[in-house]
Amino acid sequence: MTTPQLLHLVFGGELESLDGVTFKDLDKLDVVGIFPNYATAHAAWKAKAQQTVDNAQMRYFVVHLHRLLDPETSPAAR
């Protein structure tokens, strides 16, 4: 049996403030990549977050693309 692809996007950038999610400059967003599962996306997110730990306004995110592509597979839809 083949493991289903549960695509995840990892990206980040510098935020305008620590209490929001508005980026300072959209042209400078760092798109780390698209990953086939959460485990590999989390590893990429963690590596990038650790590289930028000295910049408090730099944030990286994991987006569950599979939930956007097929909302029926989302646990919230069940």
PDB file of N, CA and C in Angstrom:
ATOM      1  N   MET A   1       0.845  -1.182   0.000  1.00  0.00           N
ATOM      2  CA  MET A   1       0.000   0.000   0.000  1.00  0.00           C
ATOM      3  C   MET A   1       0.893   1.250   0.000  1.00  0.00           C
ATOM      4  N   THR A   2       0.557   2.204  -0.803  1.00  0.00           N
ATOM      5  CA  THR A   2       1.313   3.441  -0.912  1.00  0.00           C
ATOM      6  C   THR A   2       0.839   4.443   0.141  1.00  0.00           C
ATOM      7  N   THR A   3       1.792   5.102   0.773  1.00  0.00           N
ATOM      8  CA  THR A   3       1.460   6.146   1.742  1.00  0.00           C
ATOM      9  C   THR A   3       0.919   7.358   0.992  1.00  0.00           C
ATOM     10  N   PRO A   4      -0.215   7.906   1.406  1.00  0.00           N
ATOM     11  CA  PRO A   4      -0.759   9.071   0.704  1.00  0.00           C
ATOM     12  C   PRO A   4       0.139  10.300   0.870  1.00  0.00           C
ATOM     13  N   GLN A   5       0.163  11.124  -0.162  1.00  0.00           N
ATOM     14  CA  GLN A   5       0.902  12.381  -0.067  1.00  0.00           C
ATOM     15  C   GLN A   5       0.061  13.376   0.718  1.00  0.00           C
ATOM     16  N   LEU A   6       0.619  13.847   1.795  1.00  0.00           N
ATOM     17  CA  LEU A   6      -0.029  14.890   2.587  1.00  0.00           C
ATOM     18  C   LEU A   6       0.901  16.103   2.526  1.00  0.00           C
ATOM     19  N   LEU A   7       0.759  16.865   1.443  1.00  0.00           N
ATOM     20  CA  LEU A   7       1.690  17.948   1.148  1.00  0.00           C
ATOM     21  C   LEU A   7       1.659  19.060   2.197  1.00  0.00           C
ATOM     22  N   HIS A   8       2.866  19.552   2.516  1.00  0.00           N
ATOM     23  CA  HIS A   8       3.048  20.640   3.471  1.00  0.00           C
ATOM     24  C   HIS A   8       4.027  21.654   2.903  1.00  0.00           C
ATOM     25  N   LEU A   9       3.719  22.918   3.080  1.00  0.00           N
ATOM     26  CA  LEU A   9       4.571  24.018   2.649  1.00  0.00           C
ATOM     27  C   LEU A   9       5.259  24.614   3.863  1.00  0.00           C
ATOM     28  N   VAL A  10       6.566  24.863   3.746  1.00  0.00           N
ATOM     29  CA  VAL A  10       7.308  25.537   4.807  1.00  0.00           C
ATOM     30  C   VAL A  10       7.820  26.856   4.232  1.00  0.00           C
ATOM     31  N   PHE A  11       7.499  27.947   4.909  1.00  0.00           N
ATOM     32  CA  PHE A  11       7.961  29.262   4.470  1.00  0.00           C
ATOM     33  C   PHE A  11       8.094  30.170   5.684  1.00  0.00           C
ATOM     34  N   GLY A  12       8.770  31.286   5.474  1.00  0.00           N
ATOM     35  CA  GLY A  12       8.921  32.227   6.575  1.00  0.00           C
ATOM     36  C   GLY A  12       9.410  33.571   6.101  1.00  0.00           C
ATOM     37  N   GLY A  13       9.551  34.461   7.053  1.00  0.00           N
ATOM     38  CA  GLY A  13      10.033  35.803   6.766  1.00  0.00           C
ATOM     39  C   GLY A  13      10.006  36.642   8.027  1.00  0.00           C
ATOM     40  N   GLU A  14      10.436  37.854   7.878  1.00  0.00           N
ATOM     41  CA  GLU A  14      10.484  38.766   9.013  1.00  0.00           C
ATOM     42  C   GLU A  14       9.127  39.437   9.197  1.00  0.00           C
ATOM     43  N   LEU A  15       8.635  39.394  10.426  1.00  0.00           N
ATOM     44  CA  LEU A  15       7.329  39.972  10.745  1.00  0.00           C
ATOM     45  C   LEU A  15       7.448  41.448  11.108  1.00  0.00           C
ATOM     46  N   GLU A  16       6.351  42.181  10.889  1.00  0.00           N
ATOM     47  CA  GLU A  16       6.327  43.593  11.287  1.00  0.00           C
ATOM     48  C   GLU A  16       6.357  43.743  12.802  1.00  0.00           C
ATOM     49  N   SER A  17       5.675  42.835  13.506  1.00  0.00           N
ATOM     50  CA  SER A  17       5.667  42.891  14.967  1.00  0.00           C
ATOM     51  C   SER A  17       5.577  41.471  15.511  1.00  0.00           C
ATOM     52  N   LEU A  18       5.933  41.325  16.774  1.00  0.00           N
ATOM     53  CA  LEU A  18       5.929  40.001  17.389  1.00  0.00           C
ATOM     54  C   LEU A  18       4.534  39.473  17.691  1.00  0.00           C
ATOM     55  N   ASP A  19       3.551  40.348  17.706  1.00  0.00           N
ATOM     56  CA  ASP A  19       2.203  39.906  18.052  1.00  0.00           C
ATOM     57  C   ASP A  19       1.280  39.772  16.842  1.00  0.00           C
ATOM     58  N   GLY A  20       1.843  39.651  15.649  1.00  0.00           N
ATOM     59  CA  GLY A  20       1.029  39.480  14.458  1.00  0.00           C
ATOM     60  C   GLY A  20       1.684  38.546  13.464  1.00  0.00           C
ATOM     61  N   VAL A  21       1.053  38.396  12.322  1.00  0.00           N
ATOM     62  CA  VAL A  21       1.610  37.562  11.256  1.00  0.00           C
ATOM     63  C   VAL A  21       1.651  38.325   9.930  1.00  0.00           C
ATOM     64  N   THR A  22       1.907  39.625  10.018  1.00  0.00           N
ATOM     65  CA  THR A  22       2.081  40.449   8.827  1.00  0.00           C
ATOM     66  C   THR A  22       3.575  40.564   8.553  1.00  0.00           C
ATOM     67  N   PHE A  23       3.960  40.207   7.337  1.00  0.00           N
ATOM     68  CA  PHE A  23       5.375  40.224   6.980  1.00  0.00           C
ATOM     69  C   PHE A  23       5.826  41.623   6.581  1.00  0.00           C
ATOM     70  N   LYS A  24       7.075  41.955   6.909  1.00  0.00           N
ATOM     71  CA  LYS A  24       7.646  43.258   6.564  1.00  0.00           C
ATOM     72  C   LYS A  24       7.757  43.438   5.058  1.00  0.00           C
ATOM     73  N   ASP A  25       8.214  42.409   4.358  1.00  0.00           N
ATOM     74  CA  ASP A  25       8.470  42.528   2.921  1.00  0.00           C
ATOM     75  C   ASP A  25       8.156  41.197   2.243  1.00  0.00           C
ATOM     76  N   LEU A  26       7.045  41.154   1.524  1.00  0.00           N
ATOM     77  CA  LEU A  26       6.633  39.908   0.865  1.00  0.00           C
ATOM     78  C   LEU A  26       7.636  39.443  -0.189  1.00  0.00           C
ATOM     79  N   ASP A  27       8.399  40.379  -0.753  1.00  0.00           N
ATOM     80  CA  ASP A  27       9.404  40.005  -1.747  1.00  0.00           C
ATOM     81  C   ASP A  27      10.561  39.227  -1.130  1.00  0.00           C
ATOM     82  N   LYS A  28      10.674  39.300   0.190  1.00  0.00           N
ATOM     83  CA  LYS A  28      11.777  38.619   0.871  1.00  0.00           C
ATOM     84  C   LYS A  28      11.335  37.351   1.608  1.00  0.00           C
ATOM     85  N   LEU A  29      10.121  36.853   1.318  1.00  0.00           N
ATOM     86  CA  LEU A  29       9.689  35.607   1.943  1.00  0.00           C
ATOM     87  C   LEU A  29      10.623  34.478   1.530  1.00  0.00           C
ATOM     88  N   ASP A  30      10.928  33.615   2.458  1.00  0.00           N
ATOM     89  CA  ASP A  30      11.782  32.461   2.217  1.00  0.00           C
ATOM     90  C   ASP A  30      10.891  31.232   2.079  1.00  0.00           C
ATOM     91  N   VAL A  31      10.712  30.768   0.839  1.00  0.00           N
ATOM     92  CA  VAL A  31       9.948  29.551   0.595  1.00  0.00           C
ATOM     93  C   VAL A  31      10.932  28.387   0.680  1.00  0.00           C
ATOM     94  N   VAL A  32      10.858  27.654   1.772  1.00  0.00           N
ATOM     95  CA  VAL A  32      11.787  26.560   2.016  1.00  0.00           C
ATOM     96  C   VAL A  32      11.482  25.395   1.085  1.00  0.00           C
ATOM     97  N   GLY A  33      10.203  25.063   0.934  1.00  0.00           N
ATOM     98  CA  GLY A  33       9.838  23.988   0.020  1.00  0.00           C
ATOM     99  C   GLY A  33       8.502  23.365   0.351  1.00  0.00           C
ATOM    100  N   ILE A  34       8.146  22.398  -0.489  1.00  0.00           N
ATOM    101  CA  ILE A  34       6.926  21.610  -0.303  1.00  0.00           C
ATOM    102  C   ILE A  34       7.379  20.191   0.007  1.00  0.00           C
ATOM    103  N   PHE A  35       6.781  19.609   1.043  1.00  0.00           N
ATOM    104  CA  PHE A  35       7.221  18.318   1.550  1.00  0.00           C
ATOM    105  C   PHE A  35       6.078  17.308   1.530  1.00  0.00           C
ATOM    106  N   PRO A  36       6.395  16.014   1.386  1.00  0.00           N
ATOM    107  CA  PRO A  36       5.360  14.991   1.209  1.00  0.00           C
ATOM    108  C   PRO A  36       4.624  14.582   2.479  1.00  0.00           C
ATOM    109  N   ASN A  37       5.113  15.025   3.638  1.00  0.00           N
ATOM    110  CA  ASN A  37       4.447  14.667   4.895  1.00  0.00           C
ATOM    111  C   ASN A  37       4.861  15.652   5.988  1.00  0.00           C
ATOM    112  N   TYR A  38       4.165  15.582   7.101  1.00  0.00           N
ATOM    113  CA  TYR A  38       4.423  16.527   8.179  1.00  0.00           C
ATOM    114  C   TYR A  38       5.803  16.338   8.796  1.00  0.00           C
ATOM    115  N   ALA A  39       6.249  15.110   8.915  1.00  0.00           N
ATOM    116  CA  ALA A  39       7.543  14.850   9.567  1.00  0.00           C
ATOM    117  C   ALA A  39       8.687  15.543   8.837  1.00  0.00           C
ATOM    118  N   THR A  40       8.721  15.455   7.521  1.00  0.00           N
ATOM    119  CA  THR A  40       9.806  16.100   6.776  1.00  0.00           C
ATOM    120  C   THR A  40       9.628  17.615   6.772  1.00  0.00           C
ATOM    121  N   ALA A  41       8.391  18.085   6.731  1.00  0.00           N
ATOM    122  CA  ALA A  41       8.134  19.530   6.793  1.00  0.00           C
ATOM    123  C   ALA A  41       8.567  20.072   8.157  1.00  0.00           C
ATOM    124  N   HIS A  42       8.266  19.368   9.209  1.00  0.00           N
ATOM    125  CA  HIS A  42       8.643  19.802  10.552  1.00  0.00           C
ATOM    126  C   HIS A  42      10.159  19.863  10.695  1.00  0.00           C
ATOM    127  N   ALA A  43      10.861  18.892  10.138  1.00  0.00           N
ATOM    128  CA  ALA A  43      12.327  18.892  10.200  1.00  0.00           C
ATOM    129  C   ALA A  43      12.893  20.111   9.474  1.00  0.00           C
ATOM    130  N   ALA A  44      12.326  20.445   8.313  1.00  0.00           N
ATOM    131  CA  ALA A  44      12.774  21.621   7.556  1.00  0.00           C
ATOM    132  C   ALA A  44      12.446  22.900   8.313  1.00  0.00           C
ATOM    133  N   TRP A  45      11.250  22.973   8.889  1.00  0.00           N
ATOM    134  CA  TRP A  45      10.845  24.140   9.684  1.00  0.00           C
ATOM    135  C   TRP A  45      11.798  24.336  10.867  1.00  0.00           C
ATOM    136  N   LYS A  46      12.083  23.258  11.571  1.00  0.00           N
ATOM    137  CA  LYS A  46      12.939  23.332  12.749  1.00  0.00           C
ATOM    138  C   LYS A  46      14.342  23.804  12.381  1.00  0.00           C
ATOM    139  N   ALA A  47      14.887  23.301  11.284  1.00  0.00           N
ATOM    140  CA  ALA A  47      16.227  23.704  10.842  1.00  0.00           C
ATOM    141  C   ALA A  47      16.260  25.193  10.523  1.00  0.00           C
ATOM    142  N   LYS A  48      15.256  25.686   9.803  1.00  0.00           N
ATOM    143  CA  LYS A  48      15.207  27.110   9.458  1.00  0.00           C
ATOM    144  C   LYS A  48      14.991  27.971  10.698  1.00  0.00           C
ATOM    145  N   ALA A  49      14.123  27.542  11.583  1.00  0.00           N
ATOM    146  CA  ALA A  49      13.864  28.299  12.803  1.00  0.00           C
ATOM    147  C   ALA A  49      15.131  28.397  13.651  1.00  0.00           C
ATOM    148  N   GLN A  50      15.890  27.330  13.716  1.00  0.00           N
ATOM    149  CA  GLN A  50      17.131  27.353  14.501  1.00  0.00           C
ATOM    150  C   GLN A  50      18.181  28.258  13.857  1.00  0.00           C
ATOM    151  N   GLN A  51      18.206  28.328  12.528  1.00  0.00           N
ATOM    152  CA  GLN A  51      19.164  29.191  11.829  1.00  0.00           C
ATOM    153  C   GLN A  51      18.895  30.668  12.078  1.00  0.00           C
ATOM    154  N   THR A  52      17.649  31.005  12.366  1.00  0.00           N
ATOM    155  CA  THR A  52      17.270  32.410  12.511  1.00  0.00           C
ATOM    156  C   THR A  52      16.904  32.769  13.953  1.00  0.00           C
ATOM    157  N   VAL A  53      17.347  31.982  14.910  1.00  0.00           N
ATOM    158  CA  VAL A  53      16.970  32.164  16.306  1.00  0.00           C
ATOM    159  C   VAL A  53      17.406  33.533  16.851  1.00  0.00           C
ATOM    160  N   ASP A  54      18.442  34.134  16.286  1.00  0.00           N
ATOM    161  CA  ASP A  54      18.917  35.438  16.769  1.00  0.00           C
ATOM    162  C   ASP A  54      18.033  36.602  16.331  1.00  0.00           C
ATOM    163  N   ASN A  55      17.132  36.385  15.383  1.00  0.00           N
ATOM    164  CA  ASN A  55      16.230  37.429  14.911  1.00  0.00           C
ATOM    165  C   ASN A  55      14.832  37.130  15.439  1.00  0.00           C
ATOM    166  N   ALA A  56      14.427  37.828  16.477  1.00  0.00           N
ATOM    167  CA  ALA A  56      13.142  37.555  17.131  1.00  0.00           C
ATOM    168  C   ALA A  56      11.946  37.755  16.209  1.00  0.00           C
ATOM    169  N   GLN A  57      12.094  38.575  15.175  1.00  0.00           N
ATOM    170  CA  GLN A  57      10.956  38.846  14.293  1.00  0.00           C
ATOM    171  C   GLN A  57      10.886  37.898  13.095  1.00  0.00           C
ATOM    172  N   MET A  58      11.828  37.002  12.973  1.00  0.00           N
ATOM    173  CA  MET A  58      11.825  36.029  11.885  1.00  0.00           C
ATOM    174  C   MET A  58      11.007  34.818  12.315  1.00  0.00           C
ATOM    175  N   ARG A  59      10.026  34.446  11.505  1.00  0.00           N
ATOM    176  CA  ARG A  59       9.164  33.309  11.828  1.00  0.00           C
ATOM    177  C   ARG A  59       9.009  32.405  10.599  1.00  0.00           C
ATOM    178  N   TYR A  60       8.966  31.124  10.871  1.00  0.00           N
ATOM    179  CA  TYR A  60       8.697  30.123   9.838  1.00  0.00           C
ATOM    180  C   TYR A  60       7.407  29.397  10.186  1.00  0.00           C
ATOM    181  N   PHE A  61       6.701  28.968   9.166  1.00  0.00           N
ATOM    182  CA  PHE A  61       5.396  28.335   9.324  1.00  0.00           C
ATOM    183  C   PHE A  61       5.328  27.056   8.501  1.00  0.00           C
ATOM    184  N   VAL A  62       4.494  26.127   8.964  1.00  0.00           N
ATOM    185  CA  VAL A  62       4.158  24.919   8.208  1.00  0.00           C
ATOM    186  C   VAL A  62       2.687  25.047   7.822  1.00  0.00           C
ATOM    187  N   VAL A  63       2.417  24.984   6.529  1.00  0.00           N
ATOM    188  CA  VAL A  63       1.047  25.064   6.029  1.00  0.00           C
ATOM    189  C   VAL A  63       0.641  23.679   5.532  1.00  0.00           C
ATOM    190  N   HIS A  64      -0.489  23.196   5.997  1.00  0.00           N
ATOM    191  CA  HIS A  64      -1.002  21.883   5.599  1.00  0.00           C
ATOM    192  C   HIS A  64      -1.715  22.021   4.250  1.00  0.00           C
ATOM    193  N   LEU A  65      -0.948  21.938   3.168  1.00  0.00           N
ATOM    194  CA  LEU A  65      -1.527  22.105   1.835  1.00  0.00           C
ATOM    195  C   LEU A  65      -2.581  21.053   1.532  1.00  0.00           C
ATOM    196  N   HIS A  66      -2.389  19.846   2.027  1.00  0.00           N
ATOM    197  CA  HIS A  66      -3.343  18.768   1.746  1.00  0.00           C
ATOM    198  C   HIS A  66      -4.733  19.107   2.266  1.00  0.00           C
ATOM    199  N   ARG A  67      -4.807  19.886   3.324  1.00  0.00           N
ATOM    200  CA  ARG A  67      -6.118  20.283   3.850  1.00  0.00           C
ATOM    201  C   ARG A  67      -6.798  21.306   2.945  1.00  0.00           C
ATOM    202  N   LEU A  68      -5.999  22.119   2.281  1.00  0.00           N
ATOM    203  CA  LEU A  68      -6.558  23.103   1.343  1.00  0.00           C
ATOM    204  C   LEU A  68      -6.959  22.441   0.029  1.00  0.00           C
ATOM    205  N   LEU A  69      -6.154  21.469  -0.395  1.00  0.00           N
ATOM    206  CA  LEU A  69      -6.414  20.794  -1.667  1.00  0.00           C
ATOM    207  C   LEU A  69      -7.598  19.840  -1.586  1.00  0.00           C
ATOM    208  N   ASP A  70      -7.761  19.207  -0.428  1.00  0.00           N
ATOM    209  CA  ASP A  70      -8.853  18.231  -0.257  1.00  0.00           C
ATOM    210  C   ASP A  70      -9.404  18.354   1.163  1.00  0.00           C
ATOM    211  N   PRO A  71     -10.307  19.306   1.383  1.00  0.00           N
ATOM    212  CA  PRO A  71     -10.826  19.543   2.737  1.00  0.00           C
ATOM    213  C   PRO A  71     -11.495  18.313   3.362  1.00  0.00           C
ATOM    214  N   GLU A  72     -11.940  17.365   2.547  1.00  0.00           N
ATOM    215  CA  GLU A  72     -12.587  16.175   3.070  1.00  0.00           C
ATOM    216  C   GLU A  72     -11.623  15.293   3.859  1.00  0.00           C
ATOM    217  N   THR A  73     -10.311  15.416   3.603  1.00  0.00           N
ATOM    218  CA  THR A  73      -9.325  14.595   4.316  1.00  0.00           C
ATOM    219  C   THR A  73      -8.893  15.236   5.621  1.00  0.00           C
ATOM    220  N   SER A  74      -9.307  16.454   5.867  1.00  0.00           N
ATOM    221  CA  SER A  74      -8.931  17.157   7.086  1.00  0.00           C
ATOM    222  C   SER A  74      -9.656  16.526   8.277  1.00  0.00           C
ATOM    223  N   PRO A  75      -8.950  16.326   9.396  1.00  0.00           N
ATOM    224  CA  PRO A  75      -9.620  15.783  10.584  1.00  0.00           C
ATOM    225  C   PRO A  75     -10.821  16.632  11.031  1.00  0.00           C
ATOM    226  N   ALA A  76     -10.783  17.933  10.790  1.00  0.00           N
ATOM    227  CA  ALA A  76     -11.886  18.804  11.183  1.00  0.00           C
ATOM    228  C   ALA A  76     -13.142  18.537  10.354  1.00  0.00           C
ATOM    229  N   ALA A  77     -12.978  17.959   9.154  1.00  0.00           N
ATOM    230  CA  ALA A  77     -14.118  17.704   8.283  1.00  0.00           C
ATOM    231  C   ALA A  77     -14.848  16.421   8.670  1.00  0.00           C
ATOM    232  N   ARG A  78     -14.229  15.645   9.524  1.00  0.00           N
ATOM    233  CA  ARG A  78     -14.854  14.346   9.897  1.00  0.00           C
ATOM    234  C   ARG A  78     -15.805  14.480  11.032  1.00  0.00           C
TER     235      ARG A  78
END
